[in-house]
Amino acid sequence: MLSNVNRSLLLYLLIGIIIIAVLVIVGGTILAIIKAYRKGEHSKRKCIFLTLLCIAIAATSWIFNMGWIRFIMTFMLIPFIHAIIFFLINFFTASYIHKSKKLRNINIFFCFTYLLFYILLPDGGDVGEMYVFFGLIHSNLFSSICNTISSLAVFVHIVLFILQTIEIVKTKKLIANEQKNQTIQS
């Protein structure tokens, strides 16, 4: 079925999604930094910069450790969709991170598991051993260990995504209740 689709259309679709991902991340970053700077929210700016640093490290790892696995995942748009979701959840987290220590801790582990997945995801080519860690370590045994850790990191990352979303909702309700109580007392 996919063989009947014009190949240039698929290429335009892939390029379009990549451009949209970059625009969402860059536009959202600029907007968030300007907003945080005007309101004097230092923790929000730190969270956004940490998010951008994580995405840059993941992208660097993706490029320098390119092999067949990453090549196929790139055409499935996994790194772009994941980067957008990662950015957006951290963008919303940044608004509430100063109100909840639990949310801050979850976010740190959320960023750590994001990086762990991309840095330790092994890859390989047609010949030679599998490689990992920006393409610097070539060893099937070490790649197998890193694959296990990377797989666990993805699972933990998904669990942390859910926990972080729940904690954002709780914190948002807590802030709304505090504002409601202040309005009633005034």
C-alpha atoms as a PDB file:
ATOM      1  CA  MET A   1       0.000   0.000   0.000  1.00  0.00           C
ATOM      2  CA  LEU A   2       2.802   2.395   0.883  1.00  0.00           C
ATOM      3  CA  SER A   3       4.532   1.467  -2.370  1.00  0.00           C
ATOM      4  CA  ASN A   4       1.689   3.177  -4.275  1.00  0.00           C
ATOM      5  CA  VAL A   5       2.412   6.532  -2.613  1.00  0.00           C
ATOM      6  CA  ASN A   6       4.559   8.994  -4.500  1.00  0.00           C
ATOM      7  CA  ARG A   7       8.064   8.961  -2.970  1.00  0.00           C
ATOM      8  CA  SER A   8       8.494  12.704  -3.220  1.00  0.00           C
ATOM      9  CA  LEU A   9       5.296  13.091  -1.188  1.00  0.00           C
ATOM     10  CA  LEU A  10       6.793  10.942   1.589  1.00  0.00           C
ATOM     11  CA  LEU A  11       9.993  12.978   1.484  1.00  0.00           C
ATOM     12  CA  TYR A  12       8.020  16.238   1.728  1.00  0.00           C
ATOM     13  CA  LEU A  13       6.038  14.795   4.622  1.00  0.00           C
ATOM     14  CA  LEU A  14       9.226  13.811   6.459  1.00  0.00           C
ATOM     15  CA  ILE A  15      10.837  17.202   5.877  1.00  0.00           C
ATOM     16  CA  GLY A  16       7.623  18.964   6.900  1.00  0.00           C
ATOM     17  CA  ILE A  17       7.408  17.097  10.196  1.00  0.00           C
ATOM     18  CA  ILE A  18      11.065  17.837  10.933  1.00  0.00           C
ATOM     19  CA  ILE A  19      10.488  21.544  10.235  1.00  0.00           C
ATOM     20  CA  ILE A  20       7.373  21.543  12.433  1.00  0.00           C
ATOM     21  CA  ALA A  21       9.335  19.878  15.257  1.00  0.00           C
ATOM     22  CA  VAL A  22      12.086  22.480  15.037  1.00  0.00           C
ATOM     23  CA  LEU A  23       9.597  25.359  14.869  1.00  0.00           C
ATOM     24  CA  VAL A  24       7.623  24.091  17.875  1.00  0.00           C
ATOM     25  CA  ILE A  25      10.765  23.689  19.959  1.00  0.00           C
ATOM     26  CA  VAL A  26      12.430  26.952  18.895  1.00  0.00           C
ATOM     27  CA  GLY A  27       9.219  29.002  18.975  1.00  0.00           C
ATOM     28  CA  GLY A  28       8.125  27.544  22.285  1.00  0.00           C
ATOM     29  CA  THR A  29      11.555  28.163  23.766  1.00  0.00           C
ATOM     30  CA  ILE A  30      11.679  31.791  22.704  1.00  0.00           C
ATOM     31  CA  LEU A  31       8.144  32.408  23.934  1.00  0.00           C
ATOM     32  CA  ALA A  32       8.767  30.671  27.255  1.00  0.00           C
ATOM     33  CA  ILE A  33      12.070  32.443  27.917  1.00  0.00           C
ATOM     34  CA  ILE A  34      10.576  35.868  27.163  1.00  0.00           C
ATOM     35  CA  LYS A  35       7.585  35.108  29.390  1.00  0.00           C
ATOM     36  CA  ALA A  36       9.780  33.781  32.219  1.00  0.00           C
ATOM     37  CA  TYR A  37      12.149  36.742  31.957  1.00  0.00           C
ATOM     38  CA  ARG A  38       9.284  39.241  32.197  1.00  0.00           C
ATOM     39  CA  LYS A  39       7.815  37.497  35.248  1.00  0.00           C
ATOM     40  CA  GLY A  40      11.239  36.929  36.855  1.00  0.00           C
ATOM     41  CA  GLU A  41      10.783  33.165  37.046  1.00  0.00           C
ATOM     42  CA  HIS A  42      14.338  31.849  37.256  1.00  0.00           C
ATOM     43  CA  SER A  43      13.348  28.228  37.878  1.00  0.00           C
ATOM     44  CA  LYS A  44      11.247  28.222  34.708  1.00  0.00           C
ATOM     45  CA  ARG A  45      14.176  29.473  32.614  1.00  0.00           C
ATOM     46  CA  LYS A  46      16.471  26.851  34.144  1.00  0.00           C
ATOM     47  CA  CYS A  47      13.966  24.097  33.352  1.00  0.00           C
ATOM     48  CA  ILE A  48      13.662  25.263  29.733  1.00  0.00           C
ATOM     49  CA  PHE A  49      17.433  25.475  29.285  1.00  0.00           C
ATOM     50  CA  LEU A  50      17.832  22.002  30.826  1.00  0.00           C
ATOM     51  CA  THR A  51      15.254  20.696  28.357  1.00  0.00           C
ATOM     52  CA  LEU A  52      17.092  22.248  25.408  1.00  0.00           C
ATOM     53  CA  LEU A  53      20.407  20.858  26.638  1.00  0.00           C
ATOM     54  CA  CYS A  54      18.892  17.364  26.900  1.00  0.00           C
ATOM     55  CA  ILE A  55      17.445  17.601  23.378  1.00  0.00           C
ATOM     56  CA  ALA A  56      20.795  18.828  22.008  1.00  0.00           C
ATOM     57  CA  ILE A  57      22.688  15.964  23.680  1.00  0.00           C
ATOM     58  CA  ALA A  58      20.129  13.431  22.432  1.00  0.00           C
ATOM     59  CA  ALA A  59      20.365  14.835  18.893  1.00  0.00           C
ATOM     60  CA  THR A  60      24.159  14.713  19.013  1.00  0.00           C
ATOM     61  CA  SER A  61      24.045  11.120  20.188  1.00  0.00           C
ATOM     62  CA  TRP A  62      21.557  10.305  17.450  1.00  0.00           C
ATOM     63  CA  ILE A  63      23.796  11.751  14.734  1.00  0.00           C
ATOM     64  CA  PHE A  64      27.127  10.340  15.941  1.00  0.00           C
ATOM     65  CA  ASN A  65      25.772   6.855  16.665  1.00  0.00           C
ATOM     66  CA  MET A  66      23.787   6.544  13.417  1.00  0.00           C
ATOM     67  CA  GLY A  67      23.205   3.013  12.178  1.00  0.00           C
ATOM     68  CA  TRP A  68      20.353   0.937  10.830  1.00  0.00           C
ATOM     69  CA  ILE A  69      18.242   1.097  13.995  1.00  0.00           C
ATOM     70  CA  ARG A  70      18.385   4.878  14.191  1.00  0.00           C
ATOM     71  CA  PHE A  71      17.973   5.203  10.438  1.00  0.00           C
ATOM     72  CA  ILE A  72      14.696   3.264  10.569  1.00  0.00           C
ATOM     73  CA  MET A  73      13.537   5.073  13.712  1.00  0.00           C
ATOM     74  CA  THR A  74      14.248   8.406  11.994  1.00  0.00           C
ATOM     75  CA  PHE A  75      11.891   7.548   9.145  1.00  0.00           C
ATOM     76  CA  MET A  76       9.281   6.494  11.692  1.00  0.00           C
ATOM     77  CA  LEU A  77       9.766  10.023  13.165  1.00  0.00           C
ATOM     78  CA  ILE A  78      10.342   8.642  16.662  1.00  0.00           C
ATOM     79  CA  PRO A  79      13.122  11.076  17.686  1.00  0.00           C
ATOM     80  CA  PHE A  80      11.184  14.116  16.452  1.00  0.00           C
ATOM     81  CA  ILE A  81       7.873  13.184  18.041  1.00  0.00           C
ATOM     82  CA  HIS A  82       9.651  12.219  21.265  1.00  0.00           C
ATOM     83  CA  ALA A  83      11.548  15.537  21.322  1.00  0.00           C
ATOM     84  CA  ILE A  84       8.315  17.495  20.859  1.00  0.00           C
ATOM     85  CA  ILE A  85       6.535  15.570  23.630  1.00  0.00           C
ATOM     86  CA  PHE A  86       9.581  15.903  25.905  1.00  0.00           C
ATOM     87  CA  PHE A  87       9.760  19.641  25.249  1.00  0.00           C
ATOM     88  CA  LEU A  88       6.042  20.229  25.746  1.00  0.00           C
ATOM     89  CA  ILE A  89       5.786  18.294  29.012  1.00  0.00           C
ATOM     90  CA  ASN A  90       8.849  20.143  30.363  1.00  0.00           C
ATOM     91  CA  PHE A  91       7.389  23.427  29.110  1.00  0.00           C
ATOM     92  CA  PHE A  92       4.241  22.824  31.186  1.00  0.00           C
ATOM     93  CA  THR A  93       6.282  21.496  34.105  1.00  0.00           C
ATOM     94  CA  ALA A  94       8.360  24.674  34.143  1.00  0.00           C
ATOM     95  CA  SER A  95       5.280  26.684  35.112  1.00  0.00           C
ATOM     96  CA  TYR A  96       4.728  24.625  38.274  1.00  0.00           C
ATOM     97  CA  ILE A  97       8.214  23.395  39.173  1.00  0.00           C
ATOM     98  CA  HIS A  98       8.770  26.099  41.790  1.00  0.00           C
ATOM     99  CA  LYS A  99       5.586  25.057  43.634  1.00  0.00           C
ATOM    100  CA  SER A 100       6.320  21.343  44.067  1.00  0.00           C
ATOM    101  CA  LYS A 101       9.555  19.698  45.187  1.00  0.00           C
ATOM    102  CA  LYS A 102       8.156  16.324  44.150  1.00  0.00           C
ATOM    103  CA  LEU A 103       7.535  17.639  40.633  1.00  0.00           C
ATOM    104  CA  ARG A 104      11.084  18.993  40.486  1.00  0.00           C
ATOM    105  CA  ASN A 105      12.536  15.605  41.450  1.00  0.00           C
ATOM    106  CA  ILE A 106      10.338  13.757  38.964  1.00  0.00           C
ATOM    107  CA  ASN A 107      11.400  16.187  36.246  1.00  0.00           C
ATOM    108  CA  ILE A 108      15.100  15.642  36.936  1.00  0.00           C
ATOM    109  CA  PHE A 109      14.693  11.873  36.614  1.00  0.00           C
ATOM    110  CA  PHE A 110      12.474  12.406  33.547  1.00  0.00           C
ATOM    111  CA  CYS A 111      15.307  14.318  31.856  1.00  0.00           C
ATOM    112  CA  PHE A 112      17.872  11.748  33.015  1.00  0.00           C
ATOM    113  CA  THR A 113      15.950   8.807  31.538  1.00  0.00           C
ATOM    114  CA  TYR A 114      15.466  10.734  28.290  1.00  0.00           C
ATOM    115  CA  LEU A 115      19.222  11.159  27.983  1.00  0.00           C
ATOM    116  CA  LEU A 116      19.958   7.620  29.117  1.00  0.00           C
ATOM    117  CA  PHE A 117      17.801   6.178  26.356  1.00  0.00           C
ATOM    118  CA  TYR A 118      19.479   8.136  23.570  1.00  0.00           C
ATOM    119  CA  ILE A 119      23.055   7.865  24.815  1.00  0.00           C
ATOM    120  CA  LEU A 120      22.931   4.126  25.544  1.00  0.00           C
ATOM    121  CA  LEU A 121      20.782   2.974  22.619  1.00  0.00           C
ATOM    122  CA  PRO A 122      23.144   0.718  20.640  1.00  0.00           C
ATOM    123  CA  ASP A 123      23.285   0.676  16.883  1.00  0.00           C
ATOM    124  CA  GLY A 124      25.179  -1.072  14.163  1.00  0.00           C
ATOM    125  CA  GLY A 125      25.903  -1.207  10.512  1.00  0.00           C
ATOM    126  CA  ASP A 126      26.308  -3.991   8.006  1.00  0.00           C
ATOM    127  CA  VAL A 127      29.707  -5.098   9.293  1.00  0.00           C
ATOM    128  CA  GLY A 128      31.528  -4.969  12.594  1.00  0.00           C
ATOM    129  CA  GLU A 129      30.349  -4.936  16.151  1.00  0.00           C
ATOM    130  CA  MET A 130      27.486  -2.916  17.556  1.00  0.00           C
ATOM    131  CA  TYR A 131      28.419   0.500  18.900  1.00  0.00           C
ATOM    132  CA  VAL A 132      27.167   2.777  21.606  1.00  0.00           C
ATOM    133  CA  PHE A 133      27.874   6.085  23.399  1.00  0.00           C
ATOM    134  CA  PHE A 134      28.191   8.501  20.462  1.00  0.00           C
ATOM    135  CA  GLY A 135      29.751   5.700  18.395  1.00  0.00           C
ATOM    136  CA  LEU A 136      32.859   5.631  20.583  1.00  0.00           C
ATOM    137  CA  ILE A 137      32.527   2.127  22.068  1.00  0.00           C
ATOM    138  CA  HIS A 138      32.414  -0.837  19.678  1.00  0.00           C
ATOM    139  CA  SER A 139      31.573  -4.020  21.593  1.00  0.00           C
ATOM    140  CA  ASN A 140      28.707  -6.464  21.240  1.00  0.00           C
ATOM    141  CA  LEU A 141      28.832  -7.359  24.936  1.00  0.00           C
ATOM    142  CA  PHE A 142      28.817  -3.729  26.109  1.00  0.00           C
ATOM    143  CA  SER A 143      26.115  -2.899  23.539  1.00  0.00           C
ATOM    144  CA  SER A 144      23.957  -5.700  24.910  1.00  0.00           C
ATOM    145  CA  ILE A 145      24.272  -4.317  28.431  1.00  0.00           C
ATOM    146  CA  CYS A 146      23.548  -0.795  27.198  1.00  0.00           C
ATOM    147  CA  ASN A 147      20.524  -2.063  25.276  1.00  0.00           C
ATOM    148  CA  THR A 148      19.086  -3.503  28.479  1.00  0.00           C
ATOM    149  CA  ILE A 149      19.703  -0.262  30.371  1.00  0.00           C
ATOM    150  CA  SER A 150      18.278   1.778  27.493  1.00  0.00           C
ATOM    151  CA  SER A 151      15.148  -0.382  27.372  1.00  0.00           C
ATOM    152  CA  LEU A 152      14.644   0.043  31.115  1.00  0.00           C
ATOM    153  CA  ALA A 153      15.197   3.792  30.740  1.00  0.00           C
ATOM    154  CA  VAL A 154      12.383   3.998  28.176  1.00  0.00           C
ATOM    155  CA  PHE A 155      10.013   2.137  30.490  1.00  0.00           C
ATOM    156  CA  VAL A 156      10.927   4.356  33.462  1.00  0.00           C
ATOM    157  CA  HIS A 157      10.672   7.442  31.218  1.00  0.00           C
ATOM    158  CA  ILE A 158       7.089   6.535  30.287  1.00  0.00           C
ATOM    159  CA  VAL A 159       6.186   5.929  33.950  1.00  0.00           C
ATOM    160  CA  LEU A 160       7.757   9.272  34.903  1.00  0.00           C
ATOM    161  CA  PHE A 161       5.826  10.967  32.090  1.00  0.00           C
ATOM    162  CA  ILE A 162       2.582   9.717  33.615  1.00  0.00           C
ATOM    163  CA  LEU A 163       3.640  10.619  37.171  1.00  0.00           C
ATOM    164  CA  GLN A 164       4.782  14.062  36.063  1.00  0.00           C
ATOM    165  CA  THR A 165       1.489  14.709  34.294  1.00  0.00           C
ATOM    166  CA  ILE A 166      -0.461  13.638  37.387  1.00  0.00           C
ATOM    167  CA  GLU A 167       1.717  15.840  39.613  1.00  0.00           C
ATOM    168  CA  ILE A 168       1.195  18.828  37.287  1.00  0.00           C
ATOM    169  CA  VAL A 169      -2.584  18.384  37.534  1.00  0.00           C
ATOM    170  CA  LYS A 170      -2.378  18.095  41.340  1.00  0.00           C
ATOM    171  CA  THR A 171      -0.172  21.170  41.620  1.00  0.00           C
ATOM    172  CA  LYS A 172      -2.424  23.132  39.284  1.00  0.00           C
ATOM    173  CA  LYS A 173      -5.469  22.250  41.426  1.00  0.00           C
ATOM    174  CA  LEU A 174      -3.577  23.173  44.596  1.00  0.00           C
ATOM    175  CA  ILE A 175      -2.660  26.575  43.161  1.00  0.00           C
ATOM    176  CA  ALA A 176      -6.261  27.147  42.025  1.00  0.00           C
ATOM    177  CA  ASN A 177      -7.545  26.271  45.518  1.00  0.00           C
ATOM    178  CA  GLU A 178      -5.001  28.626  47.130  1.00  0.00           C
ATOM    179  CA  GLN A 179      -6.067  31.451  44.836  1.00  0.00           C
ATOM    180  CA  LYS A 180      -9.726  30.692  45.532  1.00  0.00           C
ATOM    181  CA  ASN A 181      -9.107  30.793  49.304  1.00  0.00           C
ATOM    182  CA  GLN A 182      -7.226  34.097  48.998  1.00  0.00           C
ATOM    183  CA  THR A 183     -10.081  35.560  46.993  1.00  0.00           C
ATOM    184  CA  ILE A 184     -12.611  34.449  49.623  1.00  0.00           C
ATOM    185  CA  GLN A 185     -10.494  35.912  52.451  1.00  0.00           C
ATOM    186  CA  SER A 186     -10.138  39.258  50.669  1.00  0.00           C
END
